[in-house]
Amino acid sequence: MGNFSYYDTVSELQGYAVEIRYPNETIYLSNEKVENAVIIAKVVREFVTMKMNIKVDYNDIIDQ
């Protein structure tokens, strides 16, 4: 990704936090938006674990 910005990418996830903050509200997301959110979360996960210099095999935990 040539012009990649973690800030811009992660800020896309902010809208998905509605259910946690407002449990009585329902939000409807397209499959495309859900898949994009998962991709962003995985990119963030990879970045954080790299910066922390740790290795975690997430395949055994949640990516099955």
N, C-alpha and C. Protein backbone atom coordinates (compact mmCIF):
# COMPACT_ATOMS: atom_id res chain seq x y z
N MET A 1 0.85 -1.18 0.00
CA MET A 1 0.00 0.00 0.00
C MET A 1 0.89 1.24 0.00
N GLY A 2 0.88 1.96 -1.06
CA GLY A 2 1.77 3.08 -1.20
C GLY A 2 1.55 4.21 -0.23
N ASN A 3 0.34 4.69 -0.12
CA ASN A 3 0.05 5.85 0.72
C ASN A 3 -0.71 5.41 1.97
N PHE A 4 -0.25 4.37 2.60
CA PHE A 4 -0.94 3.75 3.73
C PHE A 4 -0.79 4.58 5.00
N SER A 5 -1.90 4.81 5.68
CA SER A 5 -1.88 5.54 6.94
C SER A 5 -2.63 4.72 7.98
N TYR A 6 -1.93 4.34 9.04
CA TYR A 6 -2.60 3.57 10.10
C TYR A 6 -3.74 4.39 10.72
N TYR A 7 -3.52 5.68 10.91
CA TYR A 7 -4.55 6.52 11.52
C TYR A 7 -5.83 6.50 10.70
N ASP A 8 -5.71 6.73 9.40
CA ASP A 8 -6.90 6.74 8.54
C ASP A 8 -7.57 5.38 8.50
N THR A 9 -6.76 4.35 8.45
CA THR A 9 -7.30 2.99 8.38
C THR A 9 -8.02 2.61 9.67
N VAL A 10 -7.38 2.86 10.80
CA VAL A 10 -7.98 2.51 12.09
C VAL A 10 -9.22 3.35 12.38
N SER A 11 -9.22 4.59 11.93
CA SER A 11 -10.38 5.45 12.19
C SER A 11 -11.65 4.90 11.54
N GLU A 12 -11.49 4.06 10.52
CA GLU A 12 -12.66 3.42 9.90
C GLU A 12 -13.38 2.51 10.89
N LEU A 13 -12.66 1.97 11.87
CA LEU A 13 -13.26 1.06 12.83
C LEU A 13 -14.14 1.77 13.87
N GLN A 14 -13.96 3.06 14.02
CA GLN A 14 -14.69 3.81 15.05
C GLN A 14 -16.20 3.63 14.93
N GLY A 15 -16.70 3.65 13.73
CA GLY A 15 -18.14 3.50 13.53
C GLY A 15 -18.69 2.16 13.97
N TYR A 16 -17.84 1.15 14.06
CA TYR A 16 -18.30 -0.18 14.47
C TYR A 16 -18.41 -0.31 15.98
N ALA A 17 -18.00 0.68 16.72
CA ALA A 17 -18.04 0.62 18.18
C ALA A 17 -19.41 0.99 18.74
N VAL A 18 -20.36 1.29 17.92
CA VAL A 18 -21.68 1.73 18.36
C VAL A 18 -22.35 0.70 19.25
N GLU A 19 -22.28 -0.57 18.88
CA GLU A 19 -22.97 -1.60 19.65
C GLU A 19 -22.43 -1.69 21.08
N ILE A 20 -21.15 -1.46 21.26
CA ILE A 20 -20.58 -1.52 22.60
C ILE A 20 -21.03 -0.33 23.43
N ARG A 21 -21.04 0.84 22.83
CA ARG A 21 -21.42 2.05 23.56
C ARG A 21 -22.93 2.17 23.75
N TYR A 22 -23.69 1.66 22.79
CA TYR A 22 -25.15 1.78 22.84
C TYR A 22 -25.76 0.40 22.61
N PRO A 23 -25.80 -0.44 23.63
CA PRO A 23 -26.23 -1.83 23.44
C PRO A 23 -27.68 -1.98 22.98
N ASN A 24 -28.51 -0.97 23.13
CA ASN A 24 -29.89 -1.06 22.69
C ASN A 24 -30.08 -0.64 21.24
N GLU A 25 -29.02 -0.18 20.60
CA GLU A 25 -29.07 0.23 19.21
C GLU A 25 -28.60 -0.93 18.33
N THR A 26 -29.20 -1.06 17.18
CA THR A 26 -28.80 -2.08 16.22
C THR A 26 -28.23 -1.39 15.00
N ILE A 27 -27.06 -1.85 14.57
CA ILE A 27 -26.49 -1.32 13.34
C ILE A 27 -26.42 -2.46 12.33
N TYR A 28 -26.69 -2.13 11.11
CA TYR A 28 -26.66 -3.13 10.04
C TYR A 28 -25.49 -2.82 9.13
N LEU A 29 -24.68 -3.82 8.90
CA LEU A 29 -23.50 -3.66 8.07
C LEU A 29 -23.54 -4.65 6.92
N SER A 30 -23.07 -4.20 5.78
CA SER A 30 -22.96 -5.10 4.63
C SER A 30 -21.83 -6.09 4.88
N ASN A 31 -21.86 -7.17 4.14
CA ASN A 31 -20.77 -8.16 4.25
C ASN A 31 -19.44 -7.51 3.91
N GLU A 32 -19.45 -6.60 2.94
CA GLU A 32 -18.22 -5.92 2.54
C GLU A 32 -17.63 -5.10 3.70
N LYS A 33 -18.50 -4.39 4.43
CA LYS A 33 -18.02 -3.59 5.56
C LYS A 33 -17.50 -4.47 6.69
N VAL A 34 -18.15 -5.58 6.93
CA VAL A 34 -17.70 -6.51 7.98
C VAL A 34 -16.35 -7.10 7.60
N GLU A 35 -16.23 -7.54 6.35
CA GLU A 35 -14.96 -8.11 5.89
C GLU A 35 -13.84 -7.07 5.96
N ASN A 36 -14.13 -5.83 5.60
CA ASN A 36 -13.14 -4.76 5.67
C ASN A 36 -12.70 -4.51 7.12
N ALA A 37 -13.65 -4.52 8.04
CA ALA A 37 -13.33 -4.31 9.46
C ALA A 37 -12.43 -5.43 9.98
N VAL A 38 -12.68 -6.65 9.57
CA VAL A 38 -11.85 -7.78 9.99
C VAL A 38 -10.43 -7.63 9.44
N ILE A 39 -10.32 -7.22 8.19
CA ILE A 39 -9.00 -7.01 7.59
C ILE A 39 -8.24 -5.93 8.34
N ILE A 40 -8.91 -4.82 8.64
CA ILE A 40 -8.27 -3.73 9.38
C ILE A 40 -7.82 -4.22 10.75
N ALA A 41 -8.68 -4.96 11.44
CA ALA A 41 -8.32 -5.47 12.76
C ALA A 41 -7.09 -6.37 12.69
N LYS A 42 -7.01 -7.19 11.65
CA LYS A 42 -5.84 -8.07 11.51
C LYS A 42 -4.57 -7.27 11.22
N VAL A 43 -4.69 -6.21 10.42
CA VAL A 43 -3.53 -5.35 10.14
C VAL A 43 -3.04 -4.69 11.43
N VAL A 44 -3.99 -4.20 12.23
CA VAL A 44 -3.63 -3.57 13.50
C VAL A 44 -3.00 -4.60 14.43
N ARG A 45 -3.58 -5.77 14.50
CA ARG A 45 -3.03 -6.84 15.34
C ARG A 45 -1.60 -7.16 14.93
N GLU A 46 -1.34 -7.26 13.64
CA GLU A 46 0.01 -7.57 13.16
C GLU A 46 0.98 -6.44 13.51
N PHE A 47 0.54 -5.20 13.35
CA PHE A 47 1.39 -4.04 13.65
C PHE A 47 1.73 -3.99 15.14
N VAL A 48 0.74 -4.18 15.99
CA VAL A 48 0.96 -4.10 17.44
C VAL A 48 1.88 -5.22 17.92
N THR A 49 1.64 -6.43 17.46
CA THR A 49 2.49 -7.53 17.91
C THR A 49 3.92 -7.36 17.39
N MET A 50 4.07 -6.79 16.18
CA MET A 50 5.41 -6.53 15.66
C MET A 50 6.11 -5.49 16.53
N LYS A 51 5.42 -4.40 16.87
CA LYS A 51 6.02 -3.35 17.69
C LYS A 51 6.35 -3.86 19.09
N MET A 52 5.58 -4.80 19.60
CA MET A 52 5.83 -5.36 20.92
C MET A 52 6.88 -6.47 20.86
N ASN A 53 7.27 -6.81 19.64
CA ASN A 53 8.26 -7.86 19.42
C ASN A 53 7.82 -9.19 20.03
N ILE A 54 6.56 -9.53 19.79
CA ILE A 54 6.04 -10.82 20.25
C ILE A 54 5.46 -11.57 19.06
N LYS A 55 5.38 -12.87 19.19
CA LYS A 55 4.77 -13.70 18.16
C LYS A 55 3.65 -14.50 18.81
N VAL A 56 2.48 -14.43 18.17
CA VAL A 56 1.33 -15.17 18.64
C VAL A 56 0.75 -15.92 17.45
N ASP A 57 0.51 -17.19 17.60
CA ASP A 57 -0.10 -17.97 16.53
C ASP A 57 -1.62 -17.87 16.65
N TYR A 58 -2.16 -16.86 16.00
CA TYR A 58 -3.60 -16.64 16.07
C TYR A 58 -4.40 -17.69 15.33
N ASN A 59 -3.77 -18.41 14.43
CA ASN A 59 -4.48 -19.47 13.71
C ASN A 59 -5.05 -20.50 14.66
N ASP A 60 -4.33 -20.78 15.72
CA ASP A 60 -4.81 -21.76 16.71
C ASP A 60 -5.87 -21.16 17.63
N ILE A 61 -5.97 -19.83 17.64
CA ILE A 61 -6.88 -19.18 18.57
C ILE A 61 -8.20 -18.80 17.91
N ILE A 62 -8.15 -17.96 16.86
CA ILE A 62 -9.41 -17.44 16.32
C ILE A 62 -9.56 -17.48 14.81
N ASP A 63 -8.52 -17.68 14.06
CA ASP A 63 -8.63 -17.60 12.61
C ASP A 63 -8.99 -18.92 11.94
N GLN A 64 -9.65 -19.79 12.65
CA GLN A 64 -9.97 -21.10 12.08
C GLN A 64 -11.18 -21.06 11.20
